[in-house]
């Protein structure tokens, strides 16, 4: 009886892990590609359009990303996502360039050709919502899929 119960629990965990892996793979494939920044708010301050139009992020399906400004790579890193959370979560680490070594906790929303990301400064808790305030210091970024690629 105990063996059957243990097998049922383990099988349930495996199915849950498999479903989680499929959700991660689905979101990673949807995130893959080049994204144009359309809105950037840092600590409650909205960046001017003349700055954000220069910014693109290139995402790989493996979680590797690169930030470009005027076509020049200024930062690169890795990310991991969890779409199973009520608000999808993302953790990323900057491995090269500006902010090298920093680890950030964030949340994301994902549409077919648009996405939203909100993350906290290093060593701060994960944002609870998609807002950027001076007090929290959080960063809100909105993207549209780059149609040129």
C-alpha atoms as a PDB file:
ATOM      1  CA  UNK A   1       0.000   0.000   0.000  1.00  0.00           C
ATOM      2  CA  UNK A   2       2.762   2.460   0.947  1.00  0.00           C
ATOM      3  CA  UNK A   3       4.667   1.551  -2.211  1.00  0.00           C
ATOM      4  CA  UNK A   4       1.621   2.230  -4.394  1.00  0.00           C
ATOM      5  CA  UNK A   5       1.062   5.578  -2.673  1.00  0.00           C
ATOM      6  CA  UNK A   6       4.721   6.547  -3.119  1.00  0.00           C
ATOM      7  CA  UNK A   7       4.604   5.565  -6.803  1.00  0.00           C
ATOM      8  CA  UNK A   8       1.456   7.677  -7.296  1.00  0.00           C
ATOM      9  CA  UNK A   9       3.079  10.697  -5.638  1.00  0.00           C
ATOM     10  CA  UNK A  10       6.275  10.322  -7.681  1.00  0.00           C
ATOM     11  CA  UNK A  11       4.309   9.880 -10.907  1.00  0.00           C
ATOM     12  CA  UNK A  12       2.316  13.013 -10.087  1.00  0.00           C
ATOM     13  CA  UNK A  13       5.545  14.966  -9.521  1.00  0.00           C
ATOM     14  CA  UNK A  14       6.951  13.728 -12.827  1.00  0.00           C
ATOM     15  CA  UNK A  15       3.809  14.750 -14.716  1.00  0.00           C
ATOM     16  CA  UNK A  16       3.855  18.188 -13.013  1.00  0.00           C
ATOM     17  CA  UNK A  17       7.544  18.636 -13.875  1.00  0.00           C
ATOM     18  CA  UNK A  18       6.903  17.565 -17.468  1.00  0.00           C
ATOM     19  CA  UNK A  19       4.001  20.031 -17.770  1.00  0.00           C
ATOM     20  CA  UNK A  20       6.199  22.771 -16.264  1.00  0.00           C
ATOM     21  CA  UNK A  21       9.003  21.969 -18.709  1.00  0.00           C
ATOM     22  CA  UNK A  22       6.575  22.165 -21.632  1.00  0.00           C
ATOM     23  CA  UNK A  23       5.305  25.557 -20.437  1.00  0.00           C
ATOM     24  CA  UNK A  24       8.876  26.847 -20.095  1.00  0.00           C
ATOM     25  CA  UNK A  25       9.799  25.581 -23.572  1.00  0.00           C
ATOM     26  CA  UNK A  26       6.651  27.170 -25.049  1.00  0.00           C
ATOM     27  CA  UNK A  27       7.378  30.576 -23.508  1.00  0.00           C
ATOM     28  CA  UNK A  28      11.082  30.404 -24.389  1.00  0.00           C
ATOM     29  CA  UNK A  29      10.224  29.748 -28.037  1.00  0.00           C
ATOM     30  CA  UNK A  30       7.756  32.636 -27.995  1.00  0.00           C
ATOM     31  CA  UNK A  31      10.355  34.955 -26.438  1.00  0.00           C
ATOM     32  CA  UNK A  32      13.048  33.925 -28.926  1.00  0.00           C
ATOM     33  CA  UNK A  33      13.902  36.629 -31.439  1.00  0.00           C
ATOM     34  CA  UNK A  34      14.651  40.329 -31.644  1.00  0.00           C
ATOM     35  CA  UNK A  35      12.536  42.768 -29.635  1.00  0.00           C
ATOM     36  CA  UNK A  36      12.346  46.533 -29.970  1.00  0.00           C
ATOM     37  CA  UNK A  37      11.971  48.440 -26.709  1.00  0.00           C
ATOM     38  CA  UNK A  38       8.819  50.581 -26.904  1.00  0.00           C
ATOM     39  CA  UNK A  39       8.635  51.856 -23.321  1.00  0.00           C
ATOM     40  CA  UNK A  40      11.174  52.113 -20.517  1.00  0.00           C
ATOM     41  CA  UNK A  41      10.462  53.431 -17.026  1.00  0.00           C
ATOM     42  CA  UNK A  42      13.279  53.430 -14.463  1.00  0.00           C
ATOM     43  CA  UNK A  43      12.415  54.278 -10.880  1.00  0.00           C
ATOM     44  CA  UNK A  44       9.274  56.083 -12.021  1.00  0.00           C
ATOM     45  CA  UNK A  45      11.076  58.127 -14.704  1.00  0.00           C
ATOM     46  CA  UNK A  46       9.993  57.468 -18.290  1.00  0.00           C
ATOM     47  CA  UNK A  47      12.861  57.327 -20.786  1.00  0.00           C
ATOM     48  CA  UNK A  48      12.515  59.589 -23.831  1.00  0.00           C
ATOM     49  CA  UNK A  49      11.420  57.999 -27.105  1.00  0.00           C
ATOM     50  CA  UNK A  50      14.678  59.130 -28.737  1.00  0.00           C
ATOM     51  CA  UNK A  51      16.562  56.790 -26.349  1.00  0.00           C
ATOM     52  CA  UNK A  52      14.282  53.769 -26.412  1.00  0.00           C
ATOM     53  CA  UNK A  53      14.066  53.563 -30.200  1.00  0.00           C
ATOM     54  CA  UNK A  54      17.804  52.775 -30.178  1.00  0.00           C
ATOM     55  CA  UNK A  55      17.367  49.772 -27.863  1.00  0.00           C
ATOM     56  CA  UNK A  56      16.798  46.147 -28.873  1.00  0.00           C
ATOM     57  CA  UNK A  57      17.040  42.858 -27.033  1.00  0.00           C
ATOM     58  CA  UNK A  58      17.890  39.629 -28.805  1.00  0.00           C
ATOM     59  CA  UNK A  59      16.630  36.523 -27.000  1.00  0.00           C
ATOM     60  CA  UNK A  60      17.644  32.939 -27.656  1.00  0.00           C
ATOM     61  CA  UNK A  61      15.350  30.005 -26.863  1.00  0.00           C
ATOM     62  CA  UNK A  62      18.047  28.852 -24.426  1.00  0.00           C
ATOM     63  CA  UNK A  63      17.605  31.888 -22.143  1.00  0.00           C
ATOM     64  CA  UNK A  64      20.653  33.766 -23.441  1.00  0.00           C
ATOM     65  CA  UNK A  65      19.973  37.413 -24.242  1.00  0.00           C
ATOM     66  CA  UNK A  66      21.868  40.466 -25.508  1.00  0.00           C
ATOM     67  CA  UNK A  67      21.016  44.158 -25.168  1.00  0.00           C
ATOM     68  CA  UNK A  68      21.936  46.389 -28.097  1.00  0.00           C
ATOM     69  CA  UNK A  69      21.942  50.159 -28.327  1.00  0.00           C
ATOM     70  CA  UNK A  70      22.364  51.579 -31.823  1.00  0.00           C
ATOM     71  CA  UNK A  71      23.300  48.078 -33.009  1.00  0.00           C
ATOM     72  CA  UNK A  72      26.172  47.759 -30.525  1.00  0.00           C
ATOM     73  CA  UNK A  73      25.973  45.060 -27.850  1.00  0.00           C
ATOM     74  CA  UNK A  74      26.288  46.673 -24.430  1.00  0.00           C
ATOM     75  CA  UNK A  75      25.261  43.773 -22.170  1.00  0.00           C
ATOM     76  CA  UNK A  76      24.662  40.051 -22.354  1.00  0.00           C
ATOM     77  CA  UNK A  77      23.359  37.470 -19.944  1.00  0.00           C
ATOM     78  CA  UNK A  78      21.304  34.451 -19.041  1.00  0.00           C
ATOM     79  CA  UNK A  79      17.733  34.111 -17.843  1.00  0.00           C
ATOM     80  CA  UNK A  80      15.391  31.504 -16.465  1.00  0.00           C
ATOM     81  CA  UNK A  81      11.611  31.736 -16.494  1.00  0.00           C
ATOM     82  CA  UNK A  82       8.754  30.143 -14.604  1.00  0.00           C
ATOM     83  CA  UNK A  83       5.438  30.486 -16.435  1.00  0.00           C
ATOM     84  CA  UNK A  84       3.666  28.303 -13.848  1.00  0.00           C
ATOM     85  CA  UNK A  85       3.521  31.126 -11.299  1.00  0.00           C
ATOM     86  CA  UNK A  86       0.334  33.227 -11.058  1.00  0.00           C
ATOM     87  CA  UNK A  87       2.398  36.124 -12.374  1.00  0.00           C
ATOM     88  CA  UNK A  88       5.107  34.621 -14.569  1.00  0.00           C
ATOM     89  CA  UNK A  89       8.588  35.062 -13.105  1.00  0.00           C
ATOM     90  CA  UNK A  90      11.979  35.666 -14.641  1.00  0.00           C
ATOM     91  CA  UNK A  91      15.416  35.686 -13.053  1.00  0.00           C
ATOM     92  CA  UNK A  92      18.353  36.984 -15.040  1.00  0.00           C
ATOM     93  CA  UNK A  93      22.057  37.503 -14.599  1.00  0.00           C
ATOM     94  CA  UNK A  94      24.225  39.938 -16.519  1.00  0.00           C
ATOM     95  CA  UNK A  95      27.325  38.025 -17.643  1.00  0.00           C
ATOM     96  CA  UNK A  96      28.989  40.636 -19.871  1.00  0.00           C
ATOM     97  CA  UNK A  97      29.007  44.414 -20.189  1.00  0.00           C
ATOM     98  CA  UNK A  98      27.233  47.032 -18.090  1.00  0.00           C
ATOM     99  CA  UNK A  99      26.216  45.536 -14.731  1.00  0.00           C
ATOM    100  CA  UNK A 100      28.287  42.354 -15.131  1.00  0.00           C
ATOM    101  CA  UNK A 101      27.613  39.963 -12.255  1.00  0.00           C
ATOM    102  CA  UNK A 102      24.282  41.496 -11.243  1.00  0.00           C
ATOM    103  CA  UNK A 103      21.317  39.175 -10.637  1.00  0.00           C
ATOM    104  CA  UNK A 104      17.767  40.495 -10.976  1.00  0.00           C
ATOM    105  CA  UNK A 105      14.338  39.130 -10.076  1.00  0.00           C
ATOM    106  CA  UNK A 106      11.378  40.048 -12.219  1.00  0.00           C
ATOM    107  CA  UNK A 107       7.998  39.233 -13.675  1.00  0.00           C
ATOM    108  CA  UNK A 108       6.835  39.092 -17.275  1.00  0.00           C
ATOM    109  CA  UNK A 109       3.789  39.038 -19.538  1.00  0.00           C
ATOM    110  CA  UNK A 110       3.951  37.572 -22.985  1.00  0.00           C
ATOM    111  CA  UNK A 111       1.797  38.101 -26.056  1.00  0.00           C
ATOM    112  CA  UNK A 112       2.325  37.004 -29.639  1.00  0.00           C
ATOM    113  CA  UNK A 113       4.190  40.161 -30.690  1.00  0.00           C
ATOM    114  CA  UNK A 114       4.411  42.131 -27.455  1.00  0.00           C
ATOM    115  CA  UNK A 115       5.805  41.512 -24.005  1.00  0.00           C
ATOM    116  CA  UNK A 116       6.301  43.292 -20.744  1.00  0.00           C
ATOM    117  CA  UNK A 117       9.052  42.894 -18.147  1.00  0.00           C
ATOM    118  CA  UNK A 118       9.351  44.443 -14.702  1.00  0.00           C
ATOM    119  CA  UNK A 119      12.378  43.780 -12.541  1.00  0.00           C
ATOM    120  CA  UNK A 120      13.921  44.980  -9.336  1.00  0.00           C
ATOM    121  CA  UNK A 121      17.387  46.394  -8.750  1.00  0.00           C
ATOM    122  CA  UNK A 122      19.919  43.825  -7.572  1.00  0.00           C
ATOM    123  CA  UNK A 123      19.318  42.555  -4.017  1.00  0.00           C
ATOM    124  CA  UNK A 124      15.712  43.800  -3.960  1.00  0.00           C
ATOM    125  CA  UNK A 125      12.634  41.577  -3.909  1.00  0.00           C
ATOM    126  CA  UNK A 126      10.689  40.579  -6.972  1.00  0.00           C
ATOM    127  CA  UNK A 127       8.163  43.260  -8.063  1.00  0.00           C
ATOM    128  CA  UNK A 128       4.542  42.482  -7.241  1.00  0.00           C
ATOM    129  CA  UNK A 129       3.151  44.263 -10.303  1.00  0.00           C
ATOM    130  CA  UNK A 130       4.012  45.968 -13.559  1.00  0.00           C
ATOM    131  CA  UNK A 131       4.789  49.408 -12.162  1.00  0.00           C
ATOM    132  CA  UNK A 132       7.931  51.433 -11.723  1.00  0.00           C
ATOM    133  CA  UNK A 133       8.136  53.816  -8.800  1.00  0.00           C
ATOM    134  CA  UNK A 134      10.930  55.879  -7.363  1.00  0.00           C
ATOM    135  CA  UNK A 135      10.508  54.198  -3.963  1.00  0.00           C
ATOM    136  CA  UNK A 136      10.842  50.661  -5.360  1.00  0.00           C
ATOM    137  CA  UNK A 137      13.428  51.594  -7.980  1.00  0.00           C
ATOM    138  CA  UNK A 138      11.956  48.937 -10.260  1.00  0.00           C
ATOM    139  CA  UNK A 139      12.406  48.967 -14.023  1.00  0.00           C
ATOM    140  CA  UNK A 140       9.500  48.468 -16.412  1.00  0.00           C
ATOM    141  CA  UNK A 141      10.220  47.600 -20.041  1.00  0.00           C
ATOM    142  CA  UNK A 142       7.737  46.990 -22.833  1.00  0.00           C
ATOM    143  CA  UNK A 143       8.703  45.425 -26.154  1.00  0.00           C
ATOM    144  CA  UNK A 144       7.327  44.720 -29.607  1.00  0.00           C
ATOM    145  CA  UNK A 145       8.696  41.969 -31.799  1.00  0.00           C
ATOM    146  CA  UNK A 146      11.087  43.496 -34.333  1.00  0.00           C
ATOM    147  CA  UNK A 147       9.403  43.167 -37.706  1.00  0.00           C
ATOM    148  CA  UNK A 148      12.696  43.623 -39.553  1.00  0.00           C
ATOM    149  CA  UNK A 149      13.938  40.194 -38.495  1.00  0.00           C
END
